[in-house]
Amino acid sequence: MSGQVAAARQETLVEEILDLSRQRQAGPLSPWFAARLEEQVEKGLFLSPEDLEATGARLVEELVEYRTRTQVSTAVIGMSGGVDSALTAALFKAAGWHVVGHTLPIEQDPTETDRGIEACAALGIEHRPLDLSGAYEATLAQLGELDPDLLSSDETPARTRRGNLRARLRMMTLYDQAHRLGGLVAGTDNFSELTAGFWTLHGDVGDLAPVQSLLKSWEVPWLARAYGVPEATWRAMPTDGLGIGGGDEAQIGATYLEWDILQFALAEALGDDPGLATRYLAFALRMDTDRHAQEVLGTLITRMRATWHKRLNPIRLNHPRADRYEPLERMEARLFRPQGVTPDEALMGFPTEMQDLAAHLVRALKAADCRLVTAESCTAGLIAACVSGVPGRSGVLEGSFVAYRPTMKFAALGVPEALIAEETVYDPKVARRMAEGALASAPEADLALAVTGVAGPGEDEGHPPGYVCVAAALRGQETRVSEHYFPGSPRQVLAATLRRALQEGLTVLQEAHR
């Protein structure tokens, strides 16, 4: 494709994004947002129509797969009159589900209810109406006995509480009907709302959420149009229908397009510098001359800081002495949960702190023009796996030796049999020889990280659970070895070991290149 054709397609895409996102009605983007939108379209962060077609098709395929695996084929949806619920219903319908759309007004604008009814008719799904205004008033009156301000106050906290009551009453109704019909409740929240915390806990989420990964500004309305949602719905001003404020964007403090652009920009900035502090974000994002962009950034930080717990709900505390959740997860996946329901990526992730440490290590390796090799016993390749998840790691990660058994330590790393016979495999001297052996076996590597230890749950060869030795060998330098006692379950010990190994590698590089 010629440069002129590519530029013309990009310009057309930008114009369509401004149209479908309703940004034109809100006003022109400020200079920083306009420039970032151009950059992000060029990078493919805002998907092209071709990519969106493929995205919609894949979402439908996944809904078909879920229906086949679980043998659940009825989806109950609250049809609010908004584009999210209408698109959700359309995707389920396209995947062959029996879709039941409920309009559940609670002192709601009749126009919104009418749009919900129109969407049901246009999509060819079953419609069931139920006015919950009476139930809401009765609940409000009872709770007003505890706090009269809930009934009379027009301040934001009281309006928010009343809105949450409406959302939870609707969700109670949907779950009751899903139980009656042997189906599930479809979640209708999108990615932009998820990041903004713009949803009610136990009032909006549901069981299966096909649009939760989609941008409200662009992907949701585009797909809604493509899947037959009426134009009056995907053109309508976004509102939560809860009577809290003047539309979604007024409550969020930014247009959805501004929010999505800033989310992409922040993710990129933190990818480039994982240690970036909040106070330096405006500088790192180069928005020092755009006052409006700075204000939206402040709004985003405030909202996400106030709502982080919603995206982590429920917050589970580990048992102090034993790992209960990992065995439960294995049991569920092996015996009860239909195969393929758990996304693969959910089983392969590392905590954010470790991702940041790995990213710092990759940056330090690049700066020093060094390559890394690992020699891992108890971590069984986790160090290398964590580093391999960092963008740009291919130039600095040489490889890994997973030397779990003593025989592998002998054969691949040259650890003397006599040393292990005398000291056991859990010894600082063994860790040292593992690191130095890895450098000897990987002549292109410059830094070796080695670990050996007892993850638990019981002791081994006289060493308690949590005893770990870490070695960091930089070619031409004295090998650095340390001993540690990490408390907790085997999983917690491994996490602490991984964290310490990454830190040791970073420290060795920093000290050598001061």
Protein backbone atom coordinates (compact mmCIF):
# COMPACT_ATOMS: atom_id res chain seq x y z
CA MET A 1 0.00 0.00 0.00
CA SER A 2 1.43 3.40 -0.97
CA GLY A 3 2.11 6.04 1.64
CA GLN A 4 -0.61 8.31 0.25
CA VAL A 5 -3.24 5.55 0.34
CA ALA A 6 -2.25 4.59 3.90
CA ALA A 7 -2.43 8.20 5.03
CA ALA A 8 -5.86 8.61 3.43
CA ARG A 9 -7.17 5.46 5.14
CA GLN A 10 -5.79 6.65 8.46
CA GLU A 11 -7.45 10.05 8.06
CA THR A 12 -10.75 8.38 7.20
CA LEU A 13 -10.49 6.15 10.26
CA VAL A 14 -9.80 9.12 12.54
CA GLU A 15 -12.85 10.93 11.14
CA GLU A 16 -15.07 7.89 11.71
CA ILE A 17 -13.78 7.50 15.27
CA LEU A 18 -14.61 11.14 16.00
CA ASP A 19 -18.10 10.55 14.58
CA LEU A 20 -19.04 7.26 16.24
CA SER A 21 -17.54 8.22 19.60
CA ARG A 22 -19.78 11.32 19.68
CA GLN A 23 -16.67 13.41 20.20
CA ARG A 24 -17.89 15.91 17.58
CA GLN A 25 -20.94 16.72 19.71
CA ALA A 26 -18.70 17.24 22.75
CA GLY A 27 -16.28 19.50 20.88
CA PRO A 28 -12.88 19.17 19.20
CA LEU A 29 -10.09 17.26 20.87
CA SER A 30 -7.43 19.37 22.53
CA PRO A 31 -4.00 19.37 20.80
CA TRP A 32 -2.51 16.60 22.96
CA PHE A 33 -5.47 14.27 22.48
CA ALA A 34 -5.67 14.98 18.74
CA ALA A 35 -1.97 14.19 18.27
CA ARG A 36 -2.17 11.02 20.38
CA LEU A 37 -5.22 9.79 18.46
CA GLU A 38 -3.31 10.14 15.18
CA GLU A 39 -0.36 8.21 16.65
CA GLN A 40 -2.53 5.46 18.13
CA VAL A 41 -4.48 4.96 14.91
CA GLU A 42 -1.19 4.63 13.03
CA LYS A 43 0.01 2.04 15.57
CA GLY A 44 -3.21 0.05 15.19
CA LEU A 45 -4.41 0.58 18.76
CA PHE A 46 -7.76 1.77 17.42
CA LEU A 47 -8.74 -1.20 15.27
CA SER A 48 -9.52 -0.86 11.58
CA PRO A 49 -12.95 -1.94 10.27
CA GLU A 50 -11.38 -5.16 8.97
CA ASP A 51 -9.94 -5.95 12.39
CA LEU A 52 -13.24 -5.10 14.06
CA GLU A 53 -15.07 -7.51 11.79
CA ALA A 54 -12.66 -10.23 12.85
CA THR A 55 -13.05 -9.20 16.51
CA GLY A 56 -16.82 -9.49 16.34
CA ALA A 57 -16.60 -12.87 14.63
CA ARG A 58 -14.21 -14.19 17.25
CA LEU A 59 -16.42 -12.98 20.13
CA VAL A 60 -19.34 -14.82 18.58
CA GLU A 61 -17.20 -17.96 18.19
CA GLU A 62 -16.25 -17.78 21.86
CA LEU A 63 -19.90 -17.47 22.88
CA VAL A 64 -20.68 -20.53 20.76
CA GLU A 65 -17.80 -22.42 22.38
CA TYR A 66 -18.96 -21.42 25.87
CA ARG A 67 -22.53 -22.56 25.13
CA THR A 68 -21.25 -25.89 23.81
CA ARG A 69 -18.89 -26.54 26.70
CA THR A 70 -21.21 -25.55 29.53
CA GLN A 71 -24.52 -26.70 28.00
CA VAL A 72 -26.03 -23.36 29.07
CA SER A 73 -27.88 -21.71 26.20
CA THR A 74 -30.10 -18.99 27.71
CA ALA A 75 -28.82 -15.47 28.36
CA VAL A 76 -30.83 -13.00 30.46
CA ILE A 77 -29.97 -9.37 29.75
CA GLY A 78 -31.13 -6.08 31.23
CA MET A 79 -31.97 -3.92 28.19
CA SER A 80 -31.31 -0.44 29.51
CA GLY A 81 -31.75 1.35 26.20
CA GLY A 82 -27.99 1.78 25.91
CA VAL A 83 -25.60 0.51 23.29
CA ASP A 84 -23.71 -1.87 25.58
CA SER A 85 -26.71 -4.03 26.49
CA ALA A 86 -27.96 -3.96 22.89
CA LEU A 87 -24.58 -5.08 21.49
CA THR A 88 -24.31 -7.78 24.16
CA ALA A 89 -27.75 -9.11 23.18
CA ALA A 90 -26.80 -9.01 19.49
CA LEU A 91 -23.62 -11.03 20.04
CA PHE A 92 -25.42 -13.68 22.10
CA LYS A 93 -28.15 -13.86 19.45
CA ALA A 94 -25.57 -14.27 16.67
CA ALA A 95 -24.02 -17.13 18.66
CA GLY A 96 -27.28 -19.06 18.73
CA TRP A 97 -28.31 -18.38 22.35
CA HIS A 98 -31.88 -17.98 23.55
CA VAL A 99 -31.74 -14.32 24.58
CA VAL A 100 -34.30 -12.82 26.97
CA GLY A 101 -34.17 -9.04 27.19
CA HIS A 102 -35.71 -7.43 30.26
CA THR A 103 -36.64 -3.77 30.43
CA LEU A 104 -36.62 -2.91 34.13
CA PRO A 105 -37.42 0.80 34.49
CA ILE A 106 -37.15 2.46 37.88
CA GLU A 107 -38.51 6.01 37.54
CA GLN A 108 -36.59 6.02 34.27
CA ASP A 109 -36.73 8.32 31.25
CA PRO A 110 -39.34 6.61 29.01
CA THR A 111 -37.14 7.31 25.97
CA GLU A 112 -34.47 4.98 27.36
CA THR A 113 -37.01 2.22 28.03
CA ASP A 114 -38.44 2.62 24.54
CA ARG A 115 -34.96 2.21 23.05
CA GLY A 116 -34.56 -1.05 24.99
CA ILE A 117 -37.86 -2.32 23.62
CA GLU A 118 -36.92 -1.22 20.08
CA ALA A 119 -33.58 -3.03 20.33
CA CYS A 120 -35.30 -6.27 21.39
CA ALA A 121 -37.59 -6.05 18.39
CA ALA A 122 -34.83 -5.16 15.94
CA LEU A 123 -32.61 -8.00 17.13
CA GLY A 124 -35.43 -10.55 17.23
CA ILE A 125 -35.01 -11.46 20.89
CA GLU A 126 -37.65 -12.18 23.50
CA HIS A 127 -38.73 -9.12 25.49
CA ARG A 128 -40.08 -9.16 29.05
CA PRO A 129 -40.94 -5.88 30.82
CA LEU A 130 -41.15 -5.32 34.57
CA ASP A 131 -41.42 -1.92 36.22
CA LEU A 132 -39.42 -2.01 39.47
CA SER A 133 -40.32 1.50 40.62
CA GLY A 134 -42.57 0.20 43.40
CA ALA A 135 -39.93 -2.16 44.75
CA TYR A 136 -37.38 0.66 44.63
CA GLU A 137 -39.63 3.08 46.51
CA ALA A 138 -40.36 0.48 49.19
CA THR A 139 -36.66 -0.30 49.63
CA LEU A 140 -35.80 3.39 49.72
CA ALA A 141 -38.45 4.05 52.37
CA GLN A 142 -37.15 1.28 54.61
CA LEU A 143 -33.53 2.36 54.29
CA GLY A 144 -34.63 5.94 54.90
CA GLU A 145 -35.51 4.88 58.42
CA LEU A 146 -31.80 4.31 58.99
CA ASP A 147 -30.71 7.47 57.19
CA PRO A 148 -33.29 10.15 56.25
CA ASP A 149 -30.68 11.88 54.06
CA LEU A 150 -30.92 9.01 51.60
CA LEU A 151 -34.46 10.17 50.82
CA SER A 152 -34.02 13.93 50.86
CA SER A 153 -30.43 14.82 49.98
CA ASP A 154 -29.49 15.90 46.47
CA GLU A 155 -25.76 15.65 47.15
CA THR A 156 -23.67 13.29 45.00
CA PRO A 157 -23.11 10.60 47.71
CA ALA A 158 -26.86 10.22 48.30
CA ARG A 159 -27.63 10.21 44.57
CA THR A 160 -24.94 7.57 44.07
CA ARG A 161 -26.39 5.39 46.82
CA ARG A 162 -29.86 5.65 45.28
CA GLY A 163 -28.40 4.78 41.88
CA ASN A 164 -26.63 1.75 43.33
CA LEU A 165 -29.92 0.57 44.83
CA ARG A 166 -31.55 0.73 41.40
CA ALA A 167 -28.71 -1.22 39.77
CA ARG A 168 -28.76 -3.93 42.44
CA LEU A 169 -32.53 -4.31 42.32
CA ARG A 170 -32.28 -4.85 38.58
CA MET A 171 -29.50 -7.39 39.00
CA MET A 172 -31.49 -9.25 41.68
CA THR A 173 -34.32 -9.53 39.18
CA LEU A 174 -32.06 -10.73 36.37
CA TYR A 175 -30.46 -13.42 38.53
CA ASP A 176 -33.87 -14.60 39.68
CA GLN A 177 -35.02 -14.93 36.07
CA ALA A 178 -31.77 -16.59 34.99
CA HIS A 179 -32.26 -19.17 37.73
CA ARG A 180 -35.87 -19.72 36.66
CA LEU A 181 -34.86 -20.23 33.03
CA GLY A 182 -31.72 -22.26 33.72
CA GLY A 183 -29.53 -19.62 32.10
CA LEU A 184 -26.97 -17.00 32.99
CA VAL A 185 -26.90 -13.24 33.38
CA ALA A 186 -25.04 -11.45 30.60
CA GLY A 187 -22.67 -8.72 31.75
CA THR A 188 -22.87 -5.55 29.71
CA ASP A 189 -20.01 -3.36 30.97
CA ASN A 190 -17.26 -2.32 28.55
CA PHE A 191 -13.51 -1.82 29.00
CA SER A 192 -13.71 1.96 29.35
CA GLU A 193 -16.25 1.65 32.16
CA LEU A 194 -14.15 -1.08 33.75
CA THR A 195 -11.04 1.11 33.91
CA ALA A 196 -13.04 4.10 35.16
CA GLY A 197 -14.76 2.06 37.87
CA PHE A 198 -18.00 3.34 36.36
CA TRP A 199 -20.23 0.47 37.40
CA THR A 200 -21.94 -0.83 40.51
CA LEU A 201 -20.48 -3.77 42.42
CA HIS A 202 -23.02 -6.62 42.30
CA GLY A 203 -25.22 -4.46 40.12
CA ASP A 204 -23.70 -4.51 36.64
CA VAL A 205 -21.27 -7.36 36.10
CA GLY A 206 -23.19 -10.60 35.51
CA ASP A 207 -21.75 -14.01 34.61
CA LEU A 208 -20.41 -13.73 31.06
CA ALA A 209 -19.31 -10.39 29.61
CA PRO A 210 -18.54 -10.45 25.88
CA VAL A 211 -18.04 -6.68 25.54
CA GLN A 212 -15.94 -6.05 28.64
CA SER A 213 -12.74 -5.92 26.56
CA LEU A 214 -14.15 -3.38 24.07
CA LEU A 215 -13.57 0.38 23.96
CA LYS A 216 -16.73 2.38 24.55
CA SER A 217 -15.62 5.18 22.27
CA TRP A 218 -15.05 3.20 19.08
CA GLU A 219 -15.35 -0.57 19.21
CA VAL A 220 -18.74 -0.78 20.95
CA PRO A 221 -20.65 1.58 18.63
CA TRP A 222 -18.94 0.21 15.50
CA LEU A 223 -19.82 -3.38 16.36
CA ALA A 224 -23.33 -2.35 17.45
CA ARG A 225 -23.91 -0.84 14.02
CA ALA A 226 -22.45 -3.93 12.33
CA TYR A 227 -24.66 -6.34 14.33
CA GLY A 228 -27.96 -4.62 13.66
CA VAL A 229 -28.47 -2.46 16.75
CA PRO A 230 -30.79 0.46 15.90
CA GLU A 231 -29.01 3.72 15.10
CA ALA A 232 -31.03 5.58 17.73
CA THR A 233 -29.34 3.36 20.33
CA TRP A 234 -25.72 3.55 19.20
CA ARG A 235 -26.06 7.28 18.54
CA ALA A 236 -27.64 8.02 21.94
CA MET A 237 -25.80 9.94 24.65
CA PRO A 238 -24.31 7.37 27.06
CA THR A 239 -26.12 7.37 30.40
CA ASP A 240 -26.28 4.96 33.32
CA GLY A 241 -30.05 5.44 33.66
CA LEU A 242 -29.66 5.70 37.43
CA GLY A 243 -30.41 9.38 37.89
CA ILE A 244 -26.98 10.15 39.39
CA GLY A 245 -25.72 12.80 36.98
CA GLY A 246 -25.87 14.27 33.50
CA GLY A 247 -24.70 11.30 31.46
CA ASP A 248 -21.67 9.01 31.70
CA GLU A 249 -19.07 11.45 30.42
CA ALA A 250 -20.19 14.24 32.74
CA GLN A 251 -19.78 11.88 35.70
CA ILE A 252 -16.46 10.48 34.53
CA GLY A 253 -15.02 13.92 33.82
CA ALA A 254 -13.86 13.15 30.26
CA THR A 255 -15.31 12.00 26.98
CA TYR A 256 -15.00 8.28 26.36
CA LEU A 257 -12.62 8.97 23.48
CA GLU A 258 -10.36 11.08 25.70
CA TRP A 259 -10.46 8.36 28.35
CA ASP A 260 -9.51 5.61 25.89
CA ILE A 261 -6.71 7.64 24.29
CA LEU A 262 -5.25 8.38 27.72
CA GLN A 263 -5.48 4.72 28.79
CA PHE A 264 -3.43 3.71 25.74
CA ALA A 265 -0.90 6.49 26.37
CA LEU A 266 -0.48 5.55 30.03
CA ALA A 267 -0.01 1.86 29.23
CA GLU A 268 2.69 2.75 26.71
CA ALA A 269 4.46 5.12 29.12
CA LEU A 270 4.51 2.51 31.91
CA GLY A 271 5.74 -0.10 29.45
CA ASP A 272 8.68 2.15 28.60
CA ASP A 273 9.37 3.02 32.24
CA PRO A 274 7.72 0.63 34.76
CA GLY A 275 8.98 2.71 37.69
CA LEU A 276 7.29 5.90 36.50
CA ALA A 277 5.80 7.76 39.48
CA THR A 278 2.37 9.38 39.34
CA ARG A 279 3.76 12.88 39.82
CA TYR A 280 5.87 12.56 36.66
CA LEU A 281 3.12 11.23 34.40
CA ALA A 282 2.22 14.56 32.78
CA PHE A 283 5.89 15.17 31.96
CA ALA A 284 6.41 11.63 30.61
CA LEU A 285 3.28 11.97 28.47
CA ARG A 286 4.50 15.30 27.05
CA MET A 287 1.29 17.15 27.93
CA ASP A 288 2.96 20.11 29.67
CA THR A 289 1.49 22.63 27.16
CA ASP A 290 -2.06 21.22 27.17
CA ARG A 291 -3.94 22.25 30.28
CA HIS A 292 -7.07 20.28 29.38
CA ALA A 293 -5.07 17.07 28.93
CA GLN A 294 -3.50 17.59 32.35
CA GLU A 295 -6.94 18.02 33.91
CA VAL A 296 -8.22 14.80 32.33
CA LEU A 297 -5.09 13.01 33.54
CA GLY A 298 -5.82 14.23 37.07
CA THR A 299 -9.41 13.02 36.76
CA LEU A 300 -8.27 9.61 35.55
CA ILE A 301 -5.78 9.20 38.38
CA THR A 302 -8.37 10.22 40.96
CA ARG A 303 -11.05 7.87 39.58
CA MET A 304 -8.79 4.85 39.16
CA ARG A 305 -7.26 5.33 42.62
CA ALA A 306 -10.74 5.49 44.17
CA THR A 307 -12.05 2.42 42.31
CA TRP A 308 -9.13 -0.04 42.14
CA HIS A 309 -10.86 -2.31 44.67
CA LYS A 310 -13.82 -2.79 42.33
CA ARG A 311 -11.57 -4.27 39.64
CA LEU A 312 -10.09 -6.68 42.22
CA ASN A 313 -13.31 -7.68 43.94
CA PRO A 314 -13.44 -9.78 45.99
CA ILE A 315 -10.06 -9.07 47.60
CA ARG A 316 -8.94 -12.47 48.89
CA LEU A 317 -6.43 -12.90 51.70
CA ASN A 318 -4.12 -15.91 51.56
CA HIS A 319 -4.12 -18.37 54.44
CA PRO A 320 -1.08 -17.53 56.62
CA ARG A 321 0.26 -21.09 56.68
CA ALA A 322 -1.03 -22.90 53.60
CA ASP A 323 -1.90 -22.20 49.99
CA ARG A 324 -5.61 -22.98 49.68
CA TYR A 325 -6.46 -21.23 46.40
CA GLU A 326 -4.01 -22.91 44.01
CA PRO A 327 -5.10 -26.47 44.91
CA LEU A 328 -8.72 -25.34 44.60
CA GLU A 329 -8.01 -23.88 41.16
CA ARG A 330 -6.41 -27.14 40.04
CA MET A 331 -9.34 -29.15 41.40
CA GLU A 332 -11.89 -26.93 39.65
CA ALA A 333 -10.02 -27.00 36.35
CA ARG A 334 -9.46 -30.76 36.46
CA LEU A 335 -12.81 -32.04 37.72
CA PHE A 336 -15.58 -29.48 37.40
CA ARG A 337 -14.98 -26.52 35.09
CA PRO A 338 -15.63 -27.17 31.37
CA GLN A 339 -12.39 -27.38 29.42
CA GLY A 340 -11.35 -24.11 27.83
CA VAL A 341 -13.48 -21.82 30.03
CA THR A 342 -10.45 -20.46 31.91
CA PRO A 343 -8.47 -18.21 29.53
CA ASP A 344 -4.92 -19.44 28.96
CA GLU A 345 -3.48 -16.05 29.79
CA ALA A 346 -5.03 -16.21 33.27
CA LEU A 347 -2.87 -19.25 33.99
CA MET A 348 0.39 -17.71 32.74
CA GLY A 349 0.59 -14.25 34.24
CA PHE A 350 3.09 -12.79 36.71
CA PRO A 351 2.29 -10.18 39.38
CA THR A 352 2.76 -6.57 38.32
CA GLU A 353 5.68 -6.06 40.72
CA MET A 354 7.61 -8.91 39.11
CA GLN A 355 6.78 -7.71 35.61
CA ASP A 356 8.19 -4.32 36.59
CA LEU A 357 11.36 -5.87 38.03
CA ALA A 358 11.83 -7.96 34.90
CA ALA A 359 11.33 -4.86 32.74
CA HIS A 360 13.94 -2.97 34.78
CA LEU A 361 16.35 -5.88 34.38
CA VAL A 362 15.81 -5.98 30.61
CA ARG A 363 16.45 -2.23 30.40
CA ALA A 364 19.64 -2.61 32.45
CA LEU A 365 20.82 -5.50 30.28
CA LYS A 366 20.23 -3.43 27.14
CA ALA A 367 22.06 -0.44 28.61
CA ALA A 368 25.03 -2.64 29.52
CA ASP A 369 24.88 -4.54 26.19
CA CYS A 370 24.61 -7.81 28.12
CA ARG A 371 22.70 -11.07 27.72
CA LEU A 372 21.11 -13.16 30.46
CA VAL A 373 21.13 -16.89 31.08
CA THR A 374 19.39 -18.58 34.01
CA ALA A 375 20.11 -21.81 35.88
CA GLU A 376 17.02 -22.73 37.87
CA SER A 377 16.23 -25.56 40.23
CA CYS A 378 13.22 -24.85 42.46
CA THR A 379 11.87 -22.10 40.16
CA ALA A 380 12.00 -24.47 37.15
CA GLY A 381 12.35 -21.73 34.53
CA LEU A 382 10.11 -19.07 36.10
CA ILE A 383 12.86 -16.43 36.04
CA ALA A 384 13.37 -16.83 32.32
CA ALA A 385 9.62 -16.99 31.75
CA CYS A 386 9.08 -13.72 33.59
CA VAL A 387 11.84 -11.98 31.63
CA SER A 388 10.51 -13.43 28.36
CA GLY A 389 7.25 -11.54 28.90
CA VAL A 390 8.97 -8.15 28.65
CA PRO A 391 8.83 -6.37 25.26
CA GLY A 392 12.28 -6.25 23.67
CA ARG A 393 13.66 -9.18 25.67
CA SER A 394 14.74 -11.14 22.57
CA GLY A 395 17.98 -9.19 22.34
CA VAL A 396 19.01 -9.82 25.95
CA LEU A 397 17.66 -13.26 26.97
CA GLU A 398 20.10 -15.96 25.87
CA GLY A 399 18.32 -18.93 27.41
CA SER A 400 17.70 -21.02 30.51
CA PHE A 401 18.86 -24.26 32.13
CA VAL A 402 16.16 -25.94 34.20
CA ALA A 403 18.37 -28.15 36.37
CA TYR A 404 15.82 -29.58 38.74
CA ARG A 405 17.54 -32.89 39.52
CA PRO A 406 21.18 -33.24 40.66
CA THR A 407 21.99 -35.22 37.50
CA MET A 408 21.08 -32.19 35.37
CA LYS A 409 23.26 -29.99 37.53
CA PHE A 410 26.16 -32.38 36.93
CA ALA A 411 25.65 -32.82 33.19
CA ALA A 412 24.59 -29.37 32.02
CA LEU A 413 26.18 -27.02 34.54
CA GLY A 414 29.27 -28.91 35.67
CA VAL A 415 28.42 -28.89 39.38
CA PRO A 416 30.75 -31.45 41.03
CA GLU A 417 29.01 -34.54 42.35
CA ALA A 418 31.29 -34.47 45.36
CA LEU A 419 30.09 -30.96 46.27
CA ILE A 420 26.43 -32.02 46.30
CA ALA A 421 27.27 -35.21 48.18
CA GLU A 422 29.01 -33.14 50.84
CA GLU A 423 26.75 -30.07 51.06
CA THR A 424 23.39 -31.23 49.51
CA VAL A 425 21.86 -29.46 46.52
CA TYR A 426 20.62 -26.64 48.76
CA ASP A 427 23.84 -24.78 49.41
CA PRO A 428 25.36 -21.39 48.45
CA LYS A 429 28.34 -23.18 46.89
CA VAL A 430 26.01 -25.15 44.64
CA ALA A 431 24.18 -21.98 43.58
CA ARG A 432 27.55 -20.38 42.76
CA ARG A 433 28.66 -23.32 40.63
CA MET A 434 25.28 -23.38 38.86
CA ALA A 435 25.63 -19.71 37.86
CA GLU A 436 29.25 -20.07 36.78
CA GLY A 437 28.44 -23.29 34.93
CA ALA A 438 25.63 -21.53 33.05
CA LEU A 439 28.07 -18.85 31.87
CA ALA A 440 30.51 -21.54 30.79
CA SER A 441 27.82 -23.36 28.81
CA ALA A 442 26.41 -20.17 27.28
CA PRO A 443 29.43 -18.27 25.90
CA GLU A 444 27.27 -15.47 24.45
CA ALA A 445 25.72 -14.68 27.86
CA ASP A 446 27.20 -12.11 30.24
CA LEU A 447 24.98 -12.44 33.33
CA ALA A 448 23.81 -15.68 34.95
CA LEU A 449 21.14 -15.98 37.63
CA ALA A 450 20.93 -19.26 39.54
CA VAL A 451 18.61 -20.47 42.30
CA THR A 452 18.33 -23.62 44.38
CA GLY A 453 16.15 -24.13 47.43
CA VAL A 454 13.27 -25.80 49.23
CA ALA A 455 9.88 -24.45 48.20
CA GLY A 456 8.08 -26.77 50.63
CA PRO A 457 5.68 -27.65 52.05
CA GLY A 458 8.04 -29.85 54.11
CA GLU A 459 11.77 -29.79 54.75
CA ASP A 460 14.23 -31.55 52.44
CA GLU A 461 17.71 -32.89 53.17
CA GLY A 462 17.73 -31.13 56.52
CA HIS A 463 16.76 -27.72 55.15
CA PRO A 464 13.47 -26.06 56.16
CA PRO A 465 10.85 -24.95 53.64
CA GLY A 466 11.63 -21.45 52.40
CA TYR A 467 15.41 -21.89 52.46
CA VAL A 468 16.74 -20.57 49.13
CA CYS A 469 20.18 -19.73 47.71
CA VAL A 470 20.49 -17.15 44.90
CA ALA A 471 23.61 -16.52 42.82
CA ALA A 472 24.30 -13.76 40.28
CA ALA A 473 27.42 -14.12 38.14
CA LEU A 474 28.54 -11.33 35.81
CA ARG A 475 31.29 -12.42 33.48
CA GLY A 476 34.65 -11.15 34.71
CA GLN A 477 33.27 -10.25 38.16
CA GLU A 478 33.11 -12.04 41.50
CA THR A 479 29.92 -14.11 41.78
CA ARG A 480 27.40 -12.74 44.26
CA VAL A 481 25.65 -15.38 46.42
CA SER A 482 23.02 -14.93 49.12
CA GLU A 483 20.97 -17.15 51.43
CA HIS A 484 17.34 -16.49 52.30
CA TYR A 485 14.52 -17.85 54.44
CA PHE A 486 11.20 -17.00 52.79
CA PRO A 487 8.02 -17.66 54.82
CA GLY A 488 4.71 -18.89 53.52
CA SER A 489 3.27 -21.52 51.21
CA PRO A 490 5.30 -23.07 48.35
CA ARG A 491 3.76 -20.60 45.94
CA GLN A 492 4.73 -17.67 48.14
CA VAL A 493 8.27 -19.02 48.50
CA LEU A 494 8.62 -19.30 44.74
CA ALA A 495 7.28 -15.76 44.29
CA ALA A 496 9.77 -14.41 46.82
CA THR A 497 12.60 -16.35 45.16
CA LEU A 498 11.74 -14.98 41.75
CA ARG A 499 11.56 -11.47 43.12
CA ARG A 500 14.94 -11.80 44.86
CA ALA A 501 16.66 -13.28 41.79
CA LEU A 502 15.50 -10.42 39.57
CA GLN A 503 16.63 -7.89 42.17
CA GLU A 504 20.04 -9.54 42.50
CA GLY A 505 20.57 -9.45 38.75
CA LEU A 506 19.61 -5.79 38.62
CA THR A 507 21.90 -4.94 41.55
CA VAL A 508 24.91 -6.72 40.03
CA LEU A 509 24.49 -4.85 36.73
CA GLN A 510 24.01 -1.48 38.43
CA GLU A 511 27.07 -1.92 40.64
CA ALA A 512 29.25 -3.01 37.72
CA HIS A 513 28.25 -0.07 35.49
CA ARG A 514 28.23 2.86 37.87
